[in-house]
PDB file of N, CA and C in Angstrom:
ATOM      1  N   MET A   1       0.861  -1.180   0.000  1.00  0.00           N
ATOM      2  CA  MET A   1       0.000   0.000   0.000  1.00  0.00           C
ATOM      3  C   MET A   1       0.897   1.230   0.000  1.00  0.00           C
ATOM      4  N   ASP A   2       0.519   2.229  -0.773  1.00  0.00           N
ATOM      5  CA  ASP A   2       1.374   3.421  -0.791  1.00  0.00           C
ATOM      6  C   ASP A   2       1.183   4.219   0.502  1.00  0.00           C
ATOM      7  N   ARG A   3       2.183   5.018   0.827  1.00  0.00           N
ATOM      8  CA  ARG A   3       2.217   5.753   2.101  1.00  0.00           C
ATOM      9  C   ARG A   3       1.019   6.688   2.248  1.00  0.00           C
ATOM     10  N   GLU A   4       0.666   7.379   1.187  1.00  0.00           N
ATOM     11  CA  GLU A   4      -0.433   8.344   1.264  1.00  0.00           C
ATOM     12  C   GLU A   4      -1.743   7.660   1.673  1.00  0.00           C
ATOM     13  N   ARG A   5      -2.037   6.536   1.076  1.00  0.00           N
ATOM     14  CA  ARG A   5      -3.255   5.790   1.420  1.00  0.00           C
ATOM     15  C   ARG A   5      -3.190   5.308   2.871  1.00  0.00           C
ATOM     16  N   PHE A   6      -2.052   4.785   3.274  1.00  0.00           N
ATOM     17  CA  PHE A   6      -1.884   4.306   4.643  1.00  0.00           C
ATOM     18  C   PHE A   6      -2.096   5.454   5.633  1.00  0.00           C
ATOM     19  N   GLU A   7      -1.520   6.614   5.353  1.00  0.00           N
ATOM     20  CA  GLU A   7      -1.676   7.773   6.240  1.00  0.00           C
ATOM     21  C   GLU A   7      -3.136   8.208   6.326  1.00  0.00           C
ATOM     22  N   ARG A   8      -3.856   8.156   5.208  1.00  0.00           N
ATOM     23  CA  ARG A   8      -5.286   8.506   5.233  1.00  0.00           C
ATOM     24  C   ARG A   8      -6.059   7.527   6.121  1.00  0.00           C
ATOM     25  N   LEU A   9      -5.699   6.252   6.058  1.00  0.00           N
ATOM     26  CA  LEU A   9      -6.364   5.257   6.901  1.00  0.00           C
ATOM     27  C   LEU A   9      -6.072   5.488   8.384  1.00  0.00           C
ATOM     28  N   VAL A  10      -4.847   5.888   8.685  1.00  0.00           N
ATOM     29  CA  VAL A  10      -4.501   6.213  10.077  1.00  0.00           C
ATOM     30  C   VAL A  10      -5.300   7.429  10.533  1.00  0.00           C
ATOM     31  N   ALA A  11      -5.356   8.466   9.704  1.00  0.00           N
ATOM     32  CA  ALA A  11      -6.120   9.668  10.055  1.00  0.00           C
ATOM     33  C   ALA A  11      -7.596   9.315  10.257  1.00  0.00           C
ATOM     34  N   ARG A  12      -8.135   8.468   9.409  1.00  0.00           N
ATOM     35  CA  ARG A  12      -9.528   8.054   9.532  1.00  0.00           C
ATOM     36  C   ARG A  12      -9.753   7.283  10.832  1.00  0.00           C
ATOM     37  N   ALA A  13      -8.792   6.462  11.224  1.00  0.00           N
ATOM     38  CA  ALA A  13      -8.907   5.713  12.484  1.00  0.00           C
ATOM     39  C   ALA A  13      -8.936   6.663  13.681  1.00  0.00           C
ATOM     40  N   VAL A  14      -8.114   7.708  13.638  1.00  0.00           N
ATOM     41  CA  VAL A  14      -8.104   8.694  14.726  1.00  0.00           C
ATOM     42  C   VAL A  14      -9.419   9.471  14.734  1.00  0.00           C
ATOM     43  N   GLU A  15      -9.847   9.919  13.566  1.00  0.00           N
ATOM     44  CA  GLU A  15     -11.092  10.690  13.469  1.00  0.00           C
ATOM     45  C   GLU A  15     -12.307   9.868  13.875  1.00  0.00           C
ATOM     46  N   GLY A  16     -12.219   8.550  13.753  1.00  0.00           N
ATOM     47  CA  GLY A  16     -13.329   7.672  14.086  1.00  0.00           C
ATOM     48  C   GLY A  16     -13.463   7.363  15.566  1.00  0.00           C
ATOM     49  N   LEU A  17     -12.539   7.879  16.368  1.00  0.00           N
ATOM     50  CA  LEU A  17     -12.626   7.669  17.815  1.00  0.00           C
ATOM     51  C   LEU A  17     -13.793   8.472  18.380  1.00  0.00           C
ATOM     52  N   PRO A  18     -14.353   8.038  19.505  1.00  0.00           N
ATOM     53  CA  PRO A  18     -15.421   8.825  20.139  1.00  0.00           C
ATOM     54  C   PRO A  18     -14.947  10.250  20.438  1.00  0.00           C
ATOM     55  N   ALA A  19     -15.873  11.192  20.346  1.00  0.00           N
ATOM     56  CA  ALA A  19     -15.557  12.618  20.508  1.00  0.00           C
ATOM     57  C   ALA A  19     -14.852  12.930  21.816  1.00  0.00           C
ATOM     58  N   GLU A  20     -15.221  12.235  22.893  1.00  0.00           N
ATOM     59  CA  GLU A  20     -14.602  12.528  24.190  1.00  0.00           C
ATOM     60  C   GLU A  20     -13.117  12.165  24.211  1.00  0.00           C
ATOM     61  N   PHE A  21     -12.703  11.224  23.369  1.00  0.00           N
ATOM     62  CA  PHE A  21     -11.281  10.901  23.264  1.00  0.00           C
ATOM     63  C   PHE A  21     -10.572  11.898  22.352  1.00  0.00           C
ATOM     64  N   CYS A  22     -11.178  12.198  21.234  1.00  0.00           N
ATOM     65  CA  CYS A  22     -10.568  13.148  20.285  1.00  0.00           C
ATOM     66  C   CYS A  22     -10.315  14.501  20.938  1.00  0.00           C
ATOM     67  N   ALA A  23     -11.217  14.918  21.804  1.00  0.00           N
ATOM     68  CA  ALA A  23     -11.079  16.213  22.462  1.00  0.00           C
ATOM     69  C   ALA A  23      -9.859  16.278  23.369  1.00  0.00           C
ATOM     70  N   ARG A  24      -9.333  15.123  23.778  1.00  0.00           N
ATOM     71  CA  ARG A  24      -8.190  15.100  24.686  1.00  0.00           C
ATOM     72  C   ARG A  24      -6.887  14.748  23.976  1.00  0.00           C
ATOM     73  N   LEU A  25      -6.869  14.884  22.657  1.00  0.00           N
ATOM     74  CA  LEU A  25      -5.677  14.589  21.863  1.00  0.00           C
ATOM     75  C   LEU A  25      -5.060  15.853  21.277  1.00  0.00           C
ATOM     76  N   GLU A  26      -5.305  16.989  21.924  1.00  0.00           N
ATOM     77  CA  GLU A  26      -4.860  18.256  21.346  1.00  0.00           C
ATOM     78  C   GLU A  26      -3.341  18.423  21.296  1.00  0.00           C
ATOM     79  N   ASN A  27      -2.593  17.712  22.091  1.00  0.00           N
ATOM     80  CA  ASN A  27      -1.136  17.856  22.073  1.00  0.00           C
ATOM     81  C   ASN A  27      -0.475  16.513  21.749  1.00  0.00           C
ATOM     82  N   VAL A  28      -1.054  15.814  20.775  1.00  0.00           N
ATOM     83  CA  VAL A  28      -0.538  14.513  20.367  1.00  0.00           C
ATOM     84  C   VAL A  28      -0.376  14.508  18.849  1.00  0.00           C
ATOM     85  N   ASP A  29       0.828  14.219  18.399  1.00  0.00           N
ATOM     86  CA  ASP A  29       1.077  14.037  16.970  1.00  0.00           C
ATOM     87  C   ASP A  29       0.983  12.553  16.651  1.00  0.00           C
ATOM     88  N   VAL A  30       0.241  12.232  15.616  1.00  0.00           N
ATOM     89  CA  VAL A  30       0.166  10.851  15.138  1.00  0.00           C
ATOM     90  C   VAL A  30       0.862  10.824  13.786  1.00  0.00           C
ATOM     91  N   VAL A  31       1.921  10.016  13.697  1.00  0.00           N
ATOM     92  CA  VAL A  31       2.722   9.966  12.478  1.00  0.00           C
ATOM     93  C   VAL A  31       2.861   8.522  12.005  1.00  0.00           C
ATOM     94  N   VAL A  32       3.236   8.385  10.744  1.00  0.00           N
ATOM     95  CA  VAL A  32       3.472   7.068  10.153  1.00  0.00           C
ATOM     96  C   VAL A  32       4.934   6.987   9.762  1.00  0.00           C
ATOM     97  N   GLU A  33       5.558   5.874  10.105  1.00  0.00           N
ATOM     98  CA  GLU A  33       6.917   5.565   9.663  1.00  0.00           C
ATOM     99  C   GLU A  33       6.885   4.163   9.074  1.00  0.00           C
ATOM    100  N   ASP A  34       7.842   3.876   8.200  1.00  0.00           N
ATOM    101  CA  ASP A  34       7.912   2.526   7.648  1.00  0.00           C
ATOM    102  C   ASP A  34       8.237   1.511   8.737  1.00  0.00           C
ATOM    103  N   TRP A  35       9.299   1.760   9.475  1.00  0.00           N
ATOM    104  CA  TRP A  35       9.821   0.823  10.471  1.00  0.00           C
ATOM    105  C   TRP A  35      10.225   1.567  11.738  1.00  0.00           C
ATOM    106  N   PRO A  36      10.218   0.879  12.881  1.00  0.00           N
ATOM    107  CA  PRO A  36      10.818   1.481  14.076  1.00  0.00           C
ATOM    108  C   PRO A  36      12.335   1.544  13.912  1.00  0.00           C
ATOM    109  N   ASP A  37      12.933   2.548  14.543  1.00  0.00           N
ATOM    110  CA  ASP A  37      14.395   2.636  14.483  1.00  0.00           C
ATOM    111  C   ASP A  37      15.007   1.849  15.639  1.00  0.00           C
ATOM    112  N   GLN A  38      16.321   1.727  15.618  1.00  0.00           N
ATOM    113  CA  GLN A  38      17.017   0.921  16.634  1.00  0.00           C
ATOM    114  C   GLN A  38      16.823   1.481  18.042  1.00  0.00           C
ATOM    115  N   HIS A  39      16.768   2.791  18.168  1.00  0.00           N
ATOM    116  CA  HIS A  39      16.553   3.420  19.473  1.00  0.00           C
ATOM    117  C   HIS A  39      15.182   3.036  20.038  1.00  0.00           C
ATOM    118  N   GLN A  40      14.168   3.076  19.194  1.00  0.00           N
ATOM    119  CA  GLN A  40      12.821   2.713  19.634  1.00  0.00           C
ATOM    120  C   GLN A  40      12.766   1.244  20.052  1.00  0.00           C
ATOM    121  N   LEU A  41      13.376   0.381  19.255  1.00  0.00           N
ATOM    122  CA  LEU A  41      13.391  -1.049  19.581  1.00  0.00           C
ATOM    123  C   LEU A  41      14.148  -1.306  20.877  1.00  0.00           C
ATOM    124  N   ALA A  42      15.316  -0.705  21.001  1.00  0.00           N
ATOM    125  CA  ALA A  42      16.135  -0.920  22.196  1.00  0.00           C
ATOM    126  C   ALA A  42      15.422  -0.437  23.456  1.00  0.00           C
ATOM    127  N   GLY A  43      14.725   0.686  23.346  1.00  0.00           N
ATOM    128  CA  GLY A  43      13.996   1.228  24.493  1.00  0.00           C
ATOM    129  C   GLY A  43      12.923   0.288  25.018  1.00  0.00           C
ATOM    130  N   LEU A  44      12.451  -0.598  24.155  1.00  0.00           N
ATOM    131  CA  LEU A  44      11.429  -1.564  24.542  1.00  0.00           C
ATOM    132  C   LEU A  44      11.988  -2.966  24.729  1.00  0.00           C
ATOM    133  N   GLY A  45      13.295  -3.110  24.538  1.00  0.00           N
ATOM    134  CA  GLY A  45      13.921  -4.418  24.669  1.00  0.00           C
ATOM    135  C   GLY A  45      13.569  -5.363  23.528  1.00  0.00           C
ATOM    136  N   LEU A  46      13.287  -4.813  22.372  1.00  0.00           N
ATOM    137  CA  LEU A  46      12.931  -5.624  21.206  1.00  0.00           C
ATOM    138  C   LEU A  46      14.096  -5.696  20.232  1.00  0.00           C
ATOM    139  N   ARG A  47      14.147  -6.776  19.481  1.00  0.00           N
ATOM    140  CA  ARG A  47      15.181  -6.928  18.460  1.00  0.00           C
ATOM    141  C   ARG A  47      14.598  -7.001  17.057  1.00  0.00           C
ATOM    142  N   ASP A  48      13.414  -7.555  16.944  1.00  0.00           N
ATOM    143  CA  ASP A  48      12.796  -7.773  15.640  1.00  0.00           C
ATOM    144  C   ASP A  48      11.884  -6.595  15.291  1.00  0.00           C
ATOM    145  N   LYS A  49      12.262  -5.840  14.295  1.00  0.00           N
ATOM    146  CA  LYS A  49      11.505  -4.649  13.931  1.00  0.00           C
ATOM    147  C   LYS A  49      10.121  -4.979  13.386  1.00  0.00           C
ATOM    148  N   ARG A  50       9.888  -6.231  13.042  1.00  0.00           N
ATOM    149  CA  ARG A  50       8.580  -6.623  12.515  1.00  0.00           C
ATOM    150  C   ARG A  50       7.527  -6.763  13.603  1.00  0.00           C
ATOM    151  N   THR A  51       7.948  -6.765  14.868  1.00  0.00           N
ATOM    152  CA  THR A  51       7.000  -7.002  15.964  1.00  0.00           C
ATOM    153  C   THR A  51       6.388  -5.727  16.530  1.00  0.00           C
ATOM    154  N   LEU A  52       6.973  -4.578  16.239  1.00  0.00           N
ATOM    155  CA  LEU A  52       6.462  -3.319  16.794  1.00  0.00           C
ATOM    156  C   LEU A  52       5.557  -2.647  15.768  1.00  0.00           C
ATOM    157  N   LEU A  53       4.270  -2.583  16.080  1.00  0.00           N
ATOM    158  CA  LEU A  53       3.278  -2.027  15.162  1.00  0.00           C
ATOM    159  C   LEU A  53       3.010  -0.557  15.414  1.00  0.00           C
ATOM    160  N   GLY A  54       3.167  -0.137  16.660  1.00  0.00           N
ATOM    161  CA  GLY A  54       2.917   1.254  17.019  1.00  0.00           C
ATOM    162  C   GLY A  54       3.665   1.586  18.293  1.00  0.00           C
ATOM    163  N   LEU A  55       3.833   2.879  18.542  1.00  0.00           N
ATOM    164  CA  LEU A  55       4.580   3.307  19.730  1.00  0.00           C
ATOM    165  C   LEU A  55       4.059   4.647  20.217  1.00  0.00           C
ATOM    166  N   TYR A  56       3.751   4.699  21.515  1.00  0.00           N
ATOM    167  CA  TYR A  56       3.395   5.960  22.169  1.00  0.00           C
ATOM    168  C   TYR A  56       4.619   6.479  22.892  1.00  0.00           C
ATOM    169  N   GLU A  57       4.971   7.721  22.629  1.00  0.00           N
ATOM    170  CA  GLU A  57       6.082   8.375  23.315  1.00  0.00           C
ATOM    171  C   GLU A  57       5.563   9.675  23.908  1.00  0.00           C
ATOM    172  N   GLY A  58       5.571   9.761  25.217  1.00  0.00           N
ATOM    173  CA  GLY A  58       5.084  10.961  25.873  1.00  0.00           C
ATOM    174  C   GLY A  58       4.798  10.691  27.335  1.00  0.00           C
ATOM    175  N   VAL A  59       4.064  11.602  27.928  1.00  0.00           N
ATOM    176  CA  VAL A  59       3.670  11.488  29.327  1.00  0.00           C
ATOM    177  C   VAL A  59       2.162  11.238  29.354  1.00  0.00           C
ATOM    178  N   PRO A  60       1.749  10.052  29.815  1.00  0.00           N
ATOM    179  CA  PRO A  60       0.310   9.760  29.857  1.00  0.00           C
ATOM    180  C   PRO A  60      -0.454  10.791  30.684  1.00  0.00           C
ATOM    181  N   LEU A  61      -1.690  11.017  30.319  1.00  0.00           N
ATOM    182  CA  LEU A  61      -2.507  12.010  31.023  1.00  0.00           C
ATOM    183  C   LEU A  61      -2.579  11.731  32.514  1.00  0.00           C
ATOM    184  N   THR A  62      -2.562  10.460  32.895  1.00  0.00           N
ATOM    185  CA  THR A  62      -2.671  10.093  34.307  1.00  0.00           C
ATOM    186  C   THR A  62      -1.413  10.415  35.108  1.00  0.00           C
ATOM    187  N   GLU A  63      -0.317  10.726  34.434  1.00  0.00           N
ATOM    188  CA  GLU A  63       0.945  11.012  35.123  1.00  0.00           C
ATOM    189  C   GLU A  63       1.324  12.492  35.076  1.00  0.00           C
ATOM    190  N   ARG A  64       0.479  13.308  34.522  1.00  0.00           N
ATOM    191  CA  ARG A  64       0.802  14.735  34.411  1.00  0.00           C
ATOM    192  C   ARG A  64       0.386  15.463  35.680  1.00  0.00           C
ATOM    193  N   GLY A  65       1.313  16.259  36.171  1.00  0.00           N
ATOM    194  CA  GLY A  65       1.028  17.042  37.361  1.00  0.00           C
ATOM    195  C   GLY A  65       0.508  18.429  37.008  1.00  0.00           C
ATOM    196  N   GLY A  66       0.323  19.225  38.015  1.00  0.00           N
ATOM    197  CA  GLY A  66      -0.195  20.576  37.836  1.00  0.00           C
ATOM    198  C   GLY A  66       0.723  21.499  37.076  1.00  0.00           C
ATOM    199  N   HIS A  67       2.011  21.181  37.021  1.00  0.00           N
ATOM    200  CA  HIS A  67       2.971  22.044  36.343  1.00  0.00           C
ATOM    201  C   HIS A  67       3.335  21.532  34.954  1.00  0.00           C
ATOM    202  N   TYR A  68       2.544  20.610  34.439  1.00  0.00           N
ATOM    203  CA  TYR A  68       2.811  20.076  33.112  1.00  0.00           C
ATOM    204  C   TYR A  68       2.439  21.123  32.081  1.00  0.00           C
ATOM    205  N   GLY A  69       3.379  21.486  31.249  1.00  0.00           N
ATOM    206  CA  GLY A  69       3.114  22.459  30.194  1.00  0.00           C
ATOM    207  C   GLY A  69       4.402  22.826  29.480  1.00  0.00           C
ATOM    208  N   LEU A  70       4.262  23.542  28.397  1.00  0.00           N
ATOM    209  CA  LEU A  70       5.401  23.964  27.581  1.00  0.00           C
ATOM    210  C   LEU A  70       6.309  22.788  27.227  1.00  0.00           C
ATOM    211  N   VAL A  71       5.689  21.716  26.815  1.00  0.00           N
ATOM    212  CA  VAL A  71       6.429  20.520  26.417  1.00  0.00           C
ATOM    213  C   VAL A  71       6.100  20.194  24.968  1.00  0.00           C
ATOM    214  N   PRO A  72       7.003  19.493  24.306  1.00  0.00           N
ATOM    215  CA  PRO A  72       6.673  19.086  22.936  1.00  0.00           C
ATOM    216  C   PRO A  72       5.483  18.126  22.958  1.00  0.00           C
ATOM    217  N   PRO A  73       4.799  18.010  21.847  1.00  0.00           N
ATOM    218  CA  PRO A  73       3.650  17.092  21.806  1.00  0.00           C
ATOM    219  C   PRO A  73       4.057  15.652  22.065  1.00  0.00           C
ATOM    220  N   ASP A  74       3.144  14.901  22.652  1.00  0.00           N
ATOM    221  CA  ASP A  74       3.326  13.462  22.714  1.00  0.00           C
ATOM    222  C   ASP A  74       3.299  12.967  21.273  1.00  0.00           C
ATOM    223  N   LYS A  75       3.845  11.789  21.059  1.00  0.00           N
ATOM    224  CA  LYS A  75       3.938  11.269  19.693  1.00  0.00           C
ATOM    225  C   LYS A  75       3.468   9.822  19.661  1.00  0.00           C
ATOM    226  N   ILE A  76       2.600   9.546  18.720  1.00  0.00           N
ATOM    227  CA  ILE A  76       2.185   8.180  18.434  1.00  0.00           C
ATOM    228  C   ILE A  76       2.672   7.866  17.034  1.00  0.00           C
ATOM    229  N   THR A  77       3.478   6.825  16.924  1.00  0.00           N
ATOM    230  CA  THR A  77       3.985   6.410  15.624  1.00  0.00           C
ATOM    231  C   THR A  77       3.333   5.088  15.257  1.00  0.00           C
ATOM    232  N   ILE A  78       2.782   5.052  14.056  1.00  0.00           N
ATOM    233  CA  ILE A  78       2.201   3.828  13.518  1.00  0.00           C
ATOM    234  C   ILE A  78       3.174   3.319  12.457  1.00  0.00           C
ATOM    235  N   PHE A  79       3.611   2.075  12.593  1.00  0.00           N
ATOM    236  CA  PHE A  79       4.630   1.517  11.694  1.00  0.00           C
ATOM    237  C   PHE A  79       3.960   0.719  10.569  1.00  0.00           C
ATOM    238  N   GLN A  80       4.075   1.242   9.376  1.00  0.00           N
ATOM    239  CA  GLN A  80       3.372   0.700   8.220  1.00  0.00           C
ATOM    240  C   GLN A  80       3.812  -0.713   7.840  1.00  0.00           C
ATOM    241  N   LYS A  81       5.094  -0.925   7.687  1.00  0.00           N
ATOM    242  CA  LYS A  81       5.576  -2.218   7.172  1.00  0.00           C
ATOM    243  C   LYS A  81       5.254  -3.389   8.104  1.00  0.00           C
ATOM    244  N   PRO A  82       5.449  -3.265   9.422  1.00  0.00           N
ATOM    245  CA  PRO A  82       5.069  -4.388  10.292  1.00  0.00           C
ATOM    246  C   PRO A  82       3.572  -4.707  10.238  1.00  0.00           C
ATOM    247  N   ILE A  83       2.744  -3.688  10.130  1.00  0.00           N
ATOM    248  CA  ILE A  83       1.303  -3.932  10.016  1.00  0.00           C
ATOM    249  C   ILE A  83       1.006  -4.662   8.709  1.00  0.00           C
ATOM    250  N   GLU A  84       1.612  -4.213   7.627  1.00  0.00           N
ATOM    251  CA  GLU A  84       1.382  -4.862   6.333  1.00  0.00           C
ATOM    252  C   GLU A  84       1.847  -6.317   6.338  1.00  0.00           C
ATOM    253  N   ILE A  85       2.958  -6.584   6.992  1.00  0.00           N
ATOM    254  CA  ILE A  85       3.482  -7.952   7.064  1.00  0.00           C
ATOM    255  C   ILE A  85       2.495  -8.875   7.774  1.00  0.00           C
ATOM    256  N   GLN A  86       1.817  -8.361   8.800  1.00  0.00           N
ATOM    257  CA  GLN A  86       0.917  -9.194   9.587  1.00  0.00           C
ATOM    258  C   GLN A  86      -0.474  -9.341   8.981  1.00  0.00           C
ATOM    259  N   CYS A  87      -0.737  -8.628   7.895  1.00  0.00           N
ATOM    260  CA  CYS A  87      -2.070  -8.642   7.297  1.00  0.00           C
ATOM    261  C   CYS A  87      -2.040  -9.247   5.902  1.00  0.00           C
ATOM    262  N   ARG A  88      -3.124  -9.936   5.558  1.00  0.00           N
ATOM    263  CA  ARG A  88      -3.196 -10.593   4.252  1.00  0.00           C
ATOM    264  C   ARG A  88      -3.778  -9.719   3.157  1.00  0.00           C
ATOM    265  N   ASP A  89      -4.633  -8.768   3.526  1.00  0.00           N
ATOM    266  CA  ASP A  89      -5.290  -7.952   2.504  1.00  0.00           C
ATOM    267  C   ASP A  89      -5.615  -6.574   3.080  1.00  0.00           C
ATOM    268  N   GLU A  90      -6.214  -5.742   2.241  1.00  0.00           N
ATOM    269  CA  GLU A  90      -6.488  -4.369   2.658  1.00  0.00           C
ATOM    270  C   GLU A  90      -7.463  -4.304   3.834  1.00  0.00           C
ATOM    271  N   ALA A  91      -8.453  -5.171   3.853  1.00  0.00           N
ATOM    272  CA  ALA A  91      -9.406  -5.168   4.965  1.00  0.00           C
ATOM    273  C   ALA A  91      -8.694  -5.451   6.292  1.00  0.00           C
ATOM    274  N   GLU A  92      -7.753  -6.370   6.286  1.00  0.00           N
ATOM    275  CA  GLU A  92      -6.994  -6.662   7.508  1.00  0.00           C
ATOM    276  C   GLU A  92      -6.073  -5.499   7.870  1.00  0.00           C
ATOM    277  N   ILE A  93      -5.520  -4.831   6.868  1.00  0.00           N
ATOM    278  CA  ILE A  93      -4.677  -3.657   7.142  1.00  0.00           C
ATOM    279  C   ILE A  93      -5.516  -2.577   7.825  1.00  0.00           C
ATOM    280  N   ILE A  94      -6.704  -2.320   7.307  1.00  0.00           N
ATOM    281  CA  ILE A  94      -7.579  -1.298   7.896  1.00  0.00           C
ATOM    282  C   ILE A  94      -7.917  -1.664   9.338  1.00  0.00           C
ATOM    283  N   ALA A  95      -8.295  -2.927   9.573  1.00  0.00           N
ATOM    284  CA  ALA A  95      -8.611  -3.367  10.935  1.00  0.00           C
ATOM    285  C   ALA A  95      -7.378  -3.284  11.832  1.00  0.00           C
ATOM    286  N   GLY A  96      -6.214  -3.643  11.289  1.00  0.00           N
ATOM    287  CA  GLY A  96      -4.975  -3.575  12.058  1.00  0.00           C
ATOM    288  C   GLY A  96      -4.629  -2.151  12.450  1.00  0.00           C
ATOM    289  N   ILE A  97      -4.767  -1.243  11.519  1.00  0.00           N
ATOM    290  CA  ILE A  97      -4.502   0.175  11.813  1.00  0.00           C
ATOM    291  C   ILE A  97      -5.423   0.645  12.925  1.00  0.00           C
ATOM    292  N   GLN A  98      -6.699   0.346  12.818  1.00  0.00           N
ATOM    293  CA  GLN A  98      -7.651   0.792  13.838  1.00  0.00           C
ATOM    294  C   GLN A  98      -7.284   0.242  15.210  1.00  0.00           C
ATOM    295  N   LYS A  99      -6.909  -1.020  15.257  1.00  0.00           N
ATOM    296  CA  LYS A  99      -6.540  -1.638  16.538  1.00  0.00           C
ATOM    297  C   LYS A  99      -5.279  -0.998  17.115  1.00  0.00           C
ATOM    298  N   VAL A 100      -4.271  -0.772  16.286  1.00  0.00           N
ATOM    299  CA  VAL A 100      -3.016  -0.182  16.766  1.00  0.00           C
ATOM    300  C   VAL A 100      -3.243   1.256  17.218  1.00  0.00           C
ATOM    301  N   VAL A 101      -4.020   2.018  16.467  1.00  0.00           N
ATOM    302  CA  VAL A 101      -4.308   3.404  16.862  1.00  0.00           C
ATOM    303  C   VAL A 101      -5.007   3.421  18.221  1.00  0.00           C
ATOM    304  N   ARG A 102      -6.022   2.592  18.400  1.00  0.00           N
ATOM    305  CA  ARG A 102      -6.724   2.544  19.697  1.00  0.00           C
ATOM    306  C   ARG A 102      -5.777   2.139  20.824  1.00  0.00           C
ATOM    307  N   HIS A 103      -4.913   1.163  20.548  1.00  0.00           N
ATOM    308  CA  HIS A 103      -3.962   0.683  21.546  1.00  0.00           C
ATOM    309  C   HIS A 103      -3.017   1.806  21.993  1.00  0.00           C
ATOM    310  N   GLU A 104      -2.445   2.515  21.026  1.00  0.00           N
ATOM    311  CA  GLU A 104      -1.478   3.567  21.372  1.00  0.00           C
ATOM    312  C   GLU A 104      -2.163   4.756  22.035  1.00  0.00           C
ATOM    313  N   ILE A 105      -3.355   5.082  21.617  1.00  0.00           N
ATOM    314  CA  ILE A 105      -4.091   6.177  22.263  1.00  0.00           C
ATOM    315  C   ILE A 105      -4.460   5.781  23.689  1.00  0.00           C
ATOM    316  N   ALA A 106      -4.737   4.520  23.926  1.00  0.00           N
ATOM    317  CA  ALA A 106      -5.004   4.056  25.286  1.00  0.00           C
ATOM    318  C   ALA A 106      -3.798   4.326  26.188  1.00  0.00           C
ATOM    319  N   HIS A 107      -2.589   4.154  25.656  1.00  0.00           N
ATOM    320  CA  HIS A 107      -1.387   4.479  26.439  1.00  0.00           C
ATOM    321  C   HIS A 107      -1.372   5.966  26.800  1.00  0.00           C
ATOM    322  N   HIS A 108      -1.786   6.820  25.889  1.00  0.00           N
ATOM    323  CA  HIS A 108      -1.861   8.270  26.168  1.00  0.00           C
ATOM    324  C   HIS A 108      -2.800   8.531  27.353  1.00  0.00           C
ATOM    325  N   PHE A 109      -3.831   7.719  27.471  1.00  0.00           N
ATOM    326  CA  PHE A 109      -4.785   7.873  28.570  1.00  0.00           C
ATOM    327  C   PHE A 109      -4.362   7.116  29.827  1.00  0.00           C
ATOM    328  N   GLY A 110      -3.160   6.522  29.798  1.00  0.00           N
ATOM    329  CA  GLY A 110      -2.610   5.897  30.993  1.00  0.00           C
ATOM    330  C   GLY A 110      -2.916   4.425  31.159  1.00  0.00           C
ATOM    331  N   ILE A 111      -3.420   3.781  30.130  1.00  0.00           N
ATOM    332  CA  ILE A 111      -3.726   2.361  30.212  1.00  0.00           C
ATOM    333  C   ILE A 111      -2.501   1.572  29.767  1.00  0.00           C
ATOM    334  N   GLY A 112      -1.998   0.706  30.620  1.00  0.00           N
ATOM    335  CA  GLY A 112      -0.794  -0.075  30.335  1.00  0.00           C
ATOM    336  C   GLY A 112      -1.089  -1.304  29.495  1.00  0.00           C
ATOM    337  N   ASP A 113      -0.021  -1.946  29.040  1.00  0.00           N
ATOM    338  CA  ASP A 113      -0.151  -3.120  28.181  1.00  0.00           C
ATOM    339  C   ASP A 113      -0.894  -4.267  28.858  1.00  0.00           C
ATOM    340  N   GLY A 114      -0.639  -4.485  30.148  1.00  0.00           N
ATOM    341  CA  GLY A 114      -1.314  -5.573  30.855  1.00  0.00           C
ATOM    342  C   GLY A 114      -2.821  -5.389  30.852  1.00  0.00           C
ATOM    343  N   ARG A 115      -3.263  -4.206  31.181  1.00  0.00           N
ATOM    344  CA  ARG A 115      -4.707  -3.915  31.189  1.00  0.00           C
ATOM    345  C   ARG A 115      -5.279  -3.984  29.776  1.00  0.00           C
ATOM    346  N   LEU A 116      -4.538  -3.525  28.796  1.00  0.00           N
ATOM    347  CA  LEU A 116      -5.014  -3.602  27.412  1.00  0.00           C
ATOM    348  C   LEU A 116      -5.205  -5.051  26.974  1.00  0.00           C
ATOM    349  N   ARG A 117      -4.281  -5.919  27.369  1.00  0.00           N
ATOM    350  CA  ARG A 117      -4.439  -7.342  27.035  1.00  0.00           C
ATOM    351  C   ARG A 117      -5.705  -7.908  27.666  1.00  0.00           C
ATOM    352  N   GLU A 118      -5.986  -7.510  28.906  1.00  0.00           N
ATOM    353  CA  GLU A 118      -7.211  -7.962  29.575  1.00  0.00           C
ATOM    354  C   GLU A 118      -8.442  -7.482  28.806  1.00  0.00           C
ATOM    355  N   LEU A 119      -8.436  -6.224  28.411  1.00  0.00           N
ATOM    356  CA  LEU A 119      -9.577  -5.656  27.695  1.00  0.00           C
ATOM    357  C   LEU A 119      -9.768  -6.322  26.330  1.00  0.00           C
ATOM    358  N   GLU A 120      -8.671  -6.643  25.667  1.00  0.00           N
ATOM    359  CA  GLU A 120      -8.755  -7.260  24.341  1.00  0.00           C
ATOM    360  C   GLU A 120      -9.279  -8.688  24.434  1.00  0.00           C
ATOM    361  N   ARG A 121      -9.071  -9.355  25.569  1.00  0.00           N
ATOM    362  CA  ARG A 121      -9.576 -10.719  25.752  1.00  0.00           C
ATOM    363  C   ARG A 121     -11.078 -10.722  25.982  1.00  0.00           C
ATOM    364  N   ASP A 122     -11.592  -9.649  26.565  1.00  0.00           N
ATOM    365  CA  ASP A 122     -13.043  -9.580  26.876  1.00  0.00           C
ATOM    366  C   ASP A 122     -13.890  -9.481  25.633  1.00  0.00           C
TER     367      ASP A 122
END
């Protein structure tokens, strides 16, 4: 899939979130990269770049104190190539993007991986 189409699908996934979530994303950049870099992988203790589909980098809303401000935006990166590798067709890519976007935005709201796994099982 070309980058422009993939980016539109990511934007659509963000726009499709409930309004109460979108309203709290004012200082979050959502970007698309082909692959995670070595720094991103190392920070998570990963070696295989095909396993990282998305990454939230920032301070979750639940950890911000009263003096939080004048900081660069939080960043959510969606990795195109790993998602494409795990999907067989465009419909799976679209579903994968939506799932990864929701997962990374959940981190922005302070939900950790353990709790996300519990929620995904339900």
